[in-house]
């Protein structure tokens, strides 16, 4: 089981990377006239990124476990 600092670092990295990947300058790269499954490419990119961030958060939360999450919440007070 990874240590708490590694998990917190992974969560921070996931948050910052997700925010950067959703910024307009990078999202505009995918704003082209291509269509995937009837959906414009930029919409497909944003929803795929959203799905990856949700799955990544679920994996990190599962690895943290309820004890680590409760302990980190109490430590912040």
PDB file of N, CA and C in Angstrom:
ATOM      1  N   UNK A   1       0.846  -1.177   0.000  1.00  0.00           N
ATOM      2  CA  UNK A   1       0.000   0.000   0.000  1.00  0.00           C
ATOM      3  C   UNK A   1       0.894   1.243   0.000  1.00  0.00           C
ATOM      4  N   UNK A   2       0.647   2.159  -0.926  1.00  0.00           N
ATOM      5  CA  UNK A   2       1.472   3.370  -0.999  1.00  0.00           C
ATOM      6  C   UNK A   2       1.317   4.242   0.244  1.00  0.00           C
ATOM      7  N   UNK A   3       2.343   5.005   0.518  1.00  0.00           N
ATOM      8  CA  UNK A   3       2.286   5.883   1.686  1.00  0.00           C
ATOM      9  C   UNK A   3       1.343   7.054   1.421  1.00  0.00           C
ATOM     10  N   UNK A   4       0.954   7.729   2.502  1.00  0.00           N
ATOM     11  CA  UNK A   4       0.012   8.837   2.386  1.00  0.00           C
ATOM     12  C   UNK A   4       0.547   9.987   1.568  1.00  0.00           C
ATOM     13  N   UNK A   5       1.840  10.260   1.685  1.00  0.00           N
ATOM     14  CA  UNK A   5       2.400  11.384   0.925  1.00  0.00           C
ATOM     15  C   UNK A   5       2.430  11.077  -0.574  1.00  0.00           C
ATOM     16  N   UNK A   6       2.659   9.829  -0.937  1.00  0.00           N
ATOM     17  CA  UNK A   6       2.634   9.469  -2.358  1.00  0.00           C
ATOM     18  C   UNK A   6       1.220   9.577  -2.920  1.00  0.00           C
ATOM     19  N   UNK A   7       0.234   9.153  -2.132  1.00  0.00           N
ATOM     20  CA  UNK A   7      -1.147   9.254  -2.587  1.00  0.00           C
ATOM     21  C   UNK A   7      -1.575  10.712  -2.725  1.00  0.00           C
ATOM     22  N   UNK A   8      -1.202  11.538  -1.745  1.00  0.00           N
ATOM     23  CA  UNK A   8      -1.541  12.960  -1.830  1.00  0.00           C
ATOM     24  C   UNK A   8      -0.842  13.602  -3.027  1.00  0.00           C
ATOM     25  N   UNK A   9       0.393  13.206  -3.277  1.00  0.00           N
ATOM     26  CA  UNK A   9       1.108  13.717  -4.447  1.00  0.00           C
ATOM     27  C   UNK A   9       0.443  13.292  -5.744  1.00  0.00           C
ATOM     28  N   UNK A  10      -0.018  12.047  -5.790  1.00  0.00           N
ATOM     29  CA  UNK A  10      -0.726  11.562  -6.970  1.00  0.00           C
ATOM     30  C   UNK A  10      -2.037  12.296  -7.183  1.00  0.00           C
ATOM     31  N   UNK A  11      -2.749  12.568  -6.096  1.00  0.00           N
ATOM     32  CA  UNK A  11      -4.006  13.311  -6.214  1.00  0.00           C
ATOM     33  C   UNK A  11      -3.761  14.747  -6.674  1.00  0.00           C
ATOM     34  N   UNK A  12      -2.704  15.358  -6.157  1.00  0.00           N
ATOM     35  CA  UNK A  12      -2.361  16.711  -6.586  1.00  0.00           C
ATOM     36  C   UNK A  12      -1.971  16.726  -8.064  1.00  0.00           C
ATOM     37  N   UNK A  13      -1.166  15.765  -8.472  1.00  0.00           N
ATOM     38  CA  UNK A  13      -0.755  15.673  -9.866  1.00  0.00           C
ATOM     39  C   UNK A  13      -1.958  15.465 -10.779  1.00  0.00           C
ATOM     40  N   UNK A  14      -2.880  14.604 -10.385  1.00  0.00           N
ATOM     41  CA  UNK A  14      -4.077  14.347 -11.181  1.00  0.00           C
ATOM     42  C   UNK A  14      -4.919  15.618 -11.309  1.00  0.00           C
ATOM     43  N   UNK A  15      -5.055  16.365 -10.227  1.00  0.00           N
ATOM     44  CA  UNK A  15      -5.841  17.599 -10.249  1.00  0.00           C
ATOM     45  C   UNK A  15      -5.199  18.651 -11.146  1.00  0.00           C
ATOM     46  N   UNK A  16      -3.903  18.883 -10.973  1.00  0.00           N
ATOM     47  CA  UNK A  16      -3.213  19.907 -11.763  1.00  0.00           C
ATOM     48  C   UNK A  16      -3.165  19.516 -13.241  1.00  0.00           C
ATOM     49  N   UNK A  17      -2.854  18.257 -13.520  1.00  0.00           N
ATOM     50  CA  UNK A  17      -2.795  17.799 -14.906  1.00  0.00           C
ATOM     51  C   UNK A  17      -4.168  17.882 -15.563  1.00  0.00           C
ATOM     52  N   UNK A  18      -5.207  17.500 -14.827  1.00  0.00           N
ATOM     53  CA  UNK A  18      -6.564  17.600 -15.375  1.00  0.00           C
ATOM     54  C   UNK A  18      -6.953  19.031 -15.672  1.00  0.00           C
ATOM     55  N   UNK A  19      -6.603  19.941 -14.773  1.00  0.00           N
ATOM     56  CA  UNK A  19      -6.925  21.352 -15.000  1.00  0.00           C
ATOM     57  C   UNK A  19      -6.165  21.890 -16.210  1.00  0.00           C
ATOM     58  N   UNK A  20      -4.903  21.533 -16.333  1.00  0.00           N
ATOM     59  CA  UNK A  20      -4.115  22.007 -17.467  1.00  0.00           C
ATOM     60  C   UNK A  20      -4.633  21.452 -18.792  1.00  0.00           C
ATOM     61  N   UNK A  21      -5.045  20.193 -18.789  1.00  0.00           N
ATOM     62  CA  UNK A  21      -5.531  19.585 -20.027  1.00  0.00           C
ATOM     63  C   UNK A  21      -6.889  20.123 -20.457  1.00  0.00           C
ATOM     64  N   UNK A  22      -7.627  20.742 -19.525  1.00  0.00           N
ATOM     65  CA  UNK A  22      -8.924  21.319 -19.876  1.00  0.00           C
ATOM     66  C   UNK A  22      -8.839  22.804 -20.208  1.00  0.00           C
ATOM     67  N   UNK A  23      -7.669  23.394 -20.077  1.00  0.00           N
ATOM     68  CA  UNK A  23      -7.513  24.818 -20.381  1.00  0.00           C
ATOM     69  C   UNK A  23      -7.788  25.065 -21.870  1.00  0.00           C
ATOM     70  N   UNK A  24      -8.374  26.210 -22.194  1.00  0.00           N
ATOM     71  CA  UNK A  24      -8.717  26.504 -23.587  1.00  0.00           C
ATOM     72  C   UNK A  24      -7.574  26.389 -24.594  1.00  0.00           C
ATOM     73  N   UNK A  25      -6.334  26.820 -24.293  1.00  0.00           N
ATOM     74  CA  UNK A  25      -5.306  26.686 -25.338  1.00  0.00           C
ATOM     75  C   UNK A  25      -5.098  25.235 -25.800  1.00  0.00           C
ATOM     76  N   UNK A  26      -5.142  24.299 -24.894  1.00  0.00           N
ATOM     77  CA  UNK A  26      -4.964  22.906 -25.303  1.00  0.00           C
ATOM     78  C   UNK A  26      -6.258  22.328 -25.857  1.00  0.00           C
ATOM     79  N   UNK A  27      -7.387  22.713 -25.305  1.00  0.00           N
ATOM     80  CA  UNK A  27      -8.661  22.208 -25.822  1.00  0.00           C
ATOM     81  C   UNK A  27      -8.906  22.688 -27.246  1.00  0.00           C
ATOM     82  N   UNK A  28      -8.426  23.902 -27.573  1.00  0.00           N
ATOM     83  CA  UNK A  28      -8.600  24.423 -28.926  1.00  0.00           C
ATOM     84  C   UNK A  28      -7.809  23.626 -29.963  1.00  0.00           C
ATOM     85  N   UNK A  29      -6.809  22.906 -29.545  1.00  0.00           N
ATOM     86  CA  UNK A  29      -6.063  22.053 -30.472  1.00  0.00           C
ATOM     87  C   UNK A  29      -6.989  20.991 -31.065  1.00  0.00           C
ATOM     88  N   UNK A  30      -7.963  20.551 -30.263  1.00  0.00           N
ATOM     89  CA  UNK A  30      -8.884  19.508 -30.703  1.00  0.00           C
ATOM     90  C   UNK A  30     -10.151  20.072 -31.340  1.00  0.00           C
ATOM     91  N   UNK A  31     -10.242  21.392 -31.484  1.00  0.00           N
ATOM     92  CA  UNK A  31     -11.421  22.024 -32.075  1.00  0.00           C
ATOM     93  C   UNK A  31     -11.267  22.051 -33.593  1.00  0.00           C
ATOM     94  N   UNK A  32     -11.499  20.888 -34.209  1.00  0.00           N
ATOM     95  CA  UNK A  32     -11.381  20.749 -35.654  1.00  0.00           C
ATOM     96  C   UNK A  32     -12.683  20.181 -36.193  1.00  0.00           C
ATOM     97  N   UNK A  33     -12.778  20.085 -37.491  1.00  0.00           N
ATOM     98  CA  UNK A  33     -14.004  19.597 -38.116  1.00  0.00           C
ATOM     99  C   UNK A  33     -14.083  18.073 -38.175  1.00  0.00           C
ATOM    100  N   UNK A  34     -13.404  17.387 -37.287  1.00  0.00           N
ATOM    101  CA  UNK A  34     -13.465  15.938 -37.242  1.00  0.00           C
ATOM    102  C   UNK A  34     -14.611  15.501 -36.336  1.00  0.00           C
ATOM    103  N   UNK A  35     -15.186  14.353 -36.671  1.00  0.00           N
ATOM    104  CA  UNK A  35     -16.296  13.817 -35.890  1.00  0.00           C
ATOM    105  C   UNK A  35     -15.988  12.372 -35.537  1.00  0.00           C
ATOM    106  N   UNK A  36     -16.151  12.030 -34.246  1.00  0.00           N
ATOM    107  CA  UNK A  36     -15.953  10.664 -33.773  1.00  0.00           C
ATOM    108  C   UNK A  36     -17.284  10.161 -33.224  1.00  0.00           C
ATOM    109  N   UNK A  37     -17.822   9.105 -33.821  1.00  0.00           N
ATOM    110  CA  UNK A  37     -19.096   8.529 -33.391  1.00  0.00           C
ATOM    111  C   UNK A  37     -20.210   9.574 -33.413  1.00  0.00           C
ATOM    112  N   UNK A  38     -20.156  10.515 -34.333  1.00  0.00           N
ATOM    113  CA  UNK A  38     -21.157  11.553 -34.462  1.00  0.00           C
ATOM    114  C   UNK A  38     -20.988  12.714 -33.498  1.00  0.00           C
ATOM    115  N   UNK A  39     -19.872  12.756 -32.776  1.00  0.00           N
ATOM    116  CA  UNK A  39     -19.620  13.802 -31.792  1.00  0.00           C
ATOM    117  C   UNK A  39     -18.406  14.606 -32.252  1.00  0.00           C
ATOM    118  N   UNK A  40     -18.463  15.937 -32.192  1.00  0.00           N
ATOM    119  CA  UNK A  40     -17.286  16.732 -32.570  1.00  0.00           C
ATOM    120  C   UNK A  40     -16.068  16.359 -31.728  1.00  0.00           C
ATOM    121  N   UNK A  41     -14.907  16.497 -32.314  1.00  0.00           N
ATOM    122  CA  UNK A  41     -13.674  16.042 -31.672  1.00  0.00           C
ATOM    123  C   UNK A  41     -13.418  16.733 -30.342  1.00  0.00           C
ATOM    124  N   UNK A  42     -13.671  18.027 -30.221  1.00  0.00           N
ATOM    125  CA  UNK A  42     -13.392  18.736 -28.979  1.00  0.00           C
ATOM    126  C   UNK A  42     -14.307  18.226 -27.854  1.00  0.00           C
ATOM    127  N   UNK A  43     -15.553  17.932 -28.174  1.00  0.00           N
ATOM    128  CA  UNK A  43     -16.475  17.399 -27.166  1.00  0.00           C
ATOM    129  C   UNK A  43     -16.042  15.991 -26.759  1.00  0.00           C
ATOM    130  N   UNK A  44     -15.647  15.191 -27.737  1.00  0.00           N
ATOM    131  CA  UNK A  44     -15.166  13.837 -27.449  1.00  0.00           C
ATOM    132  C   UNK A  44     -13.929  13.894 -26.554  1.00  0.00           C
ATOM    133  N   UNK A  45     -13.009  14.820 -26.840  1.00  0.00           N
ATOM    134  CA  UNK A  45     -11.791  14.982 -26.035  1.00  0.00           C
ATOM    135  C   UNK A  45     -12.123  15.357 -24.593  1.00  0.00           C
ATOM    136  N   UNK A  46     -12.997  16.336 -24.418  1.00  0.00           N
ATOM    137  CA  UNK A  46     -13.322  16.791 -23.071  1.00  0.00           C
ATOM    138  C   UNK A  46     -14.035  15.708 -22.253  1.00  0.00           C
ATOM    139  N   UNK A  47     -14.960  14.984 -22.864  1.00  0.00           N
ATOM    140  CA  UNK A  47     -15.647  13.926 -22.132  1.00  0.00           C
ATOM    141  C   UNK A  47     -14.731  12.728 -21.870  1.00  0.00           C
ATOM    142  N   UNK A  48     -13.832  12.425 -22.792  1.00  0.00           N
ATOM    143  CA  UNK A  48     -12.865  11.346 -22.557  1.00  0.00           C
ATOM    144  C   UNK A  48     -11.918  11.721 -21.426  1.00  0.00           C
ATOM    145  N   UNK A  49     -11.462  12.968 -21.413  1.00  0.00           N
ATOM    146  CA  UNK A  49     -10.605  13.444 -20.335  1.00  0.00           C
ATOM    147  C   UNK A  49     -11.342  13.410 -19.005  1.00  0.00           C
ATOM    148  N   UNK A  50     -12.593  13.819 -19.009  1.00  0.00           N
ATOM    149  CA  UNK A  50     -13.419  13.801 -17.805  1.00  0.00           C
ATOM    150  C   UNK A  50     -13.535  12.374 -17.269  1.00  0.00           C
ATOM    151  N   UNK A  51     -13.758  11.414 -18.162  1.00  0.00           N
ATOM    152  CA  UNK A  51     -13.858  10.009 -17.758  1.00  0.00           C
ATOM    153  C   UNK A  51     -12.541   9.511 -17.170  1.00  0.00           C
ATOM    154  N   UNK A  52     -11.426   9.865 -17.787  1.00  0.00           N
ATOM    155  CA  UNK A  52     -10.112   9.457 -17.281  1.00  0.00           C
ATOM    156  C   UNK A  52      -9.861  10.042 -15.896  1.00  0.00           C
ATOM    157  N   UNK A  53     -10.246  11.292 -15.684  1.00  0.00           N
ATOM    158  CA  UNK A  53     -10.062  11.915 -14.370  1.00  0.00           C
ATOM    159  C   UNK A  53     -10.940  11.250 -13.307  1.00  0.00           C
ATOM    160  N   UNK A  54     -12.153  10.879 -13.651  1.00  0.00           N
ATOM    161  CA  UNK A  54     -13.028  10.191 -12.703  1.00  0.00           C
ATOM    162  C   UNK A  54     -12.458   8.832 -12.337  1.00  0.00           C
ATOM    163  N   UNK A  55     -12.009   8.078 -13.325  1.00  0.00           N
ATOM    164  CA  UNK A  55     -11.432   6.756 -13.062  1.00  0.00           C
ATOM    165  C   UNK A  55     -10.150   6.890 -12.249  1.00  0.00           C
ATOM    166  N   UNK A  56      -9.315   7.865 -12.571  1.00  0.00           N
ATOM    167  CA  UNK A  56      -8.084   8.084 -11.816  1.00  0.00           C
ATOM    168  C   UNK A  56      -8.365   8.444 -10.366  1.00  0.00           C
ATOM    169  N   UNK A  57      -9.365   9.279 -10.145  1.00  0.00           N
ATOM    170  CA  UNK A  57      -9.741   9.643  -8.786  1.00  0.00           C
ATOM    171  C   UNK A  57     -10.274   8.438  -8.027  1.00  0.00           C
ATOM    172  N   UNK A  58     -11.071   7.619  -8.687  1.00  0.00           N
ATOM    173  CA  UNK A  58     -11.615   6.416  -8.037  1.00  0.00           C
ATOM    174  C   UNK A  58     -10.502   5.444  -7.666  1.00  0.00           C
ATOM    175  N   UNK A  59      -9.532   5.284  -8.542  1.00  0.00           N
ATOM    176  CA  UNK A  59      -8.414   4.378  -8.250  1.00  0.00           C
ATOM    177  C   UNK A  59      -7.594   4.894  -7.072  1.00  0.00           C
ATOM    178  N   UNK A  60      -7.294   6.181  -7.069  1.00  0.00           N
ATOM    179  CA  UNK A  60      -6.518   6.744  -5.961  1.00  0.00           C
ATOM    180  C   UNK A  60      -7.298   6.698  -4.648  1.00  0.00           C
ATOM    181  N   UNK A  61      -8.588   6.949  -4.696  1.00  0.00           N
ATOM    182  CA  UNK A  61      -9.402   6.880  -3.477  1.00  0.00           C
ATOM    183  C   UNK A  61      -9.497   5.448  -2.970  1.00  0.00           C
ATOM    184  N   UNK A  62      -9.570   4.491  -3.882  1.00  0.00           N
ATOM    185  CA  UNK A  62      -9.616   3.085  -3.476  1.00  0.00           C
ATOM    186  C   UNK A  62      -8.297   2.658  -2.832  1.00  0.00           C
ATOM    187  N   UNK A  63      -7.189   3.125  -3.391  1.00  0.00           N
ATOM    188  CA  UNK A  63      -5.885   2.787  -2.812  1.00  0.00           C
ATOM    189  C   UNK A  63      -5.684   3.440  -1.454  1.00  0.00           C
ATOM    190  N   UNK A  64      -6.254   4.631  -1.268  1.00  0.00           N
ATOM    191  CA  UNK A  64      -6.110   5.324   0.012  1.00  0.00           C
ATOM    192  C   UNK A  64      -6.858   4.583   1.107  1.00  0.00           C
ATOM    193  N   UNK A  65      -8.033   4.095   0.814  1.00  0.00           N
ATOM    194  CA  UNK A  65      -8.820   3.383   1.809  1.00  0.00           C
ATOM    195  C   UNK A  65      -9.509   4.350   2.755  1.00  0.00           C
ATOM    196  N   UNK A  66     -10.533   3.873   3.461  1.00  0.00           N
ATOM    197  CA  UNK A  66     -11.298   4.755   4.350  1.00  0.00           C
ATOM    198  C   UNK A  66     -10.496   5.246   5.549  1.00  0.00           C
ATOM    199  N   UNK A  67      -9.582   4.452   6.060  1.00  0.00           N
ATOM    200  CA  UNK A  67      -8.790   4.864   7.221  1.00  0.00           C
ATOM    201  C   UNK A  67      -7.875   6.039   6.888  1.00  0.00           C
ATOM    202  N   UNK A  68      -7.232   5.994   5.702  1.00  0.00           N
ATOM    203  CA  UNK A  68      -6.338   7.078   5.297  1.00  0.00           C
ATOM    204  C   UNK A  68      -7.110   8.366   5.030  1.00  0.00           C
ATOM    205  N   UNK A  69      -8.287   8.234   4.440  1.00  0.00           N
ATOM    206  CA  UNK A  69      -9.105   9.413   4.142  1.00  0.00           C
ATOM    207  C   UNK A  69      -9.586  10.058   5.439  1.00  0.00           C
ATOM    208  N   UNK A  70     -10.036   9.239   6.407  1.00  0.00           N
ATOM    209  CA  UNK A  70     -10.483   9.773   7.704  1.00  0.00           C
ATOM    210  C   UNK A  70      -9.332  10.408   8.465  1.00  0.00           C
ATOM    211  N   UNK A  71      -8.163   9.789   8.417  1.00  0.00           N
ATOM    212  CA  UNK A  71      -7.005  10.323   9.128  1.00  0.00           C
ATOM    213  C   UNK A  71      -6.537  11.645   8.512  1.00  0.00           C
ATOM    214  N   UNK A  72      -6.586  11.759   7.196  1.00  0.00           N
ATOM    215  CA  UNK A  72      -6.167  13.007   6.572  1.00  0.00           C
ATOM    216  C   UNK A  72      -7.172  14.117   6.838  1.00  0.00           C
ATOM    217  N   UNK A  73      -8.434  13.794   6.951  1.00  0.00           N
ATOM    218  CA  UNK A  73      -9.444  14.796   7.280  1.00  0.00           C
ATOM    219  C   UNK A  73      -9.297  15.302   8.682  1.00  0.00           C
ATOM    220  N   UNK A  74      -8.941  14.425   9.627  1.00  0.00           N
ATOM    221  CA  UNK A  74      -8.748  14.837  11.013  1.00  0.00           C
ATOM    222  C   UNK A  74      -7.446  15.618  11.190  1.00  0.00           C
ATOM    223  N   UNK A  75      -6.458  15.288  10.369  1.00  0.00           N
ATOM    224  CA  UNK A  75      -5.152  15.963  10.483  1.00  0.00           C
ATOM    225  C   UNK A  75      -5.237  17.407   9.977  1.00  0.00           C
ATOM    226  N   UNK A  76      -6.154  17.683   9.067  1.00  0.00           N
ATOM    227  CA  UNK A  76      -6.280  19.019   8.504  1.00  0.00           C
ATOM    228  C   UNK A  76      -6.929  20.004   9.474  1.00  0.00           C
ATOM    229  N   UNK A  77      -7.619  19.508  10.475  1.00  0.00           N
ATOM    230  CA  UNK A  77      -8.325  20.393  11.415  1.00  0.00           C
ATOM    231  C   UNK A  77      -7.403  21.006  12.401  1.00  0.00           C
TER     232      UNK A  77
END
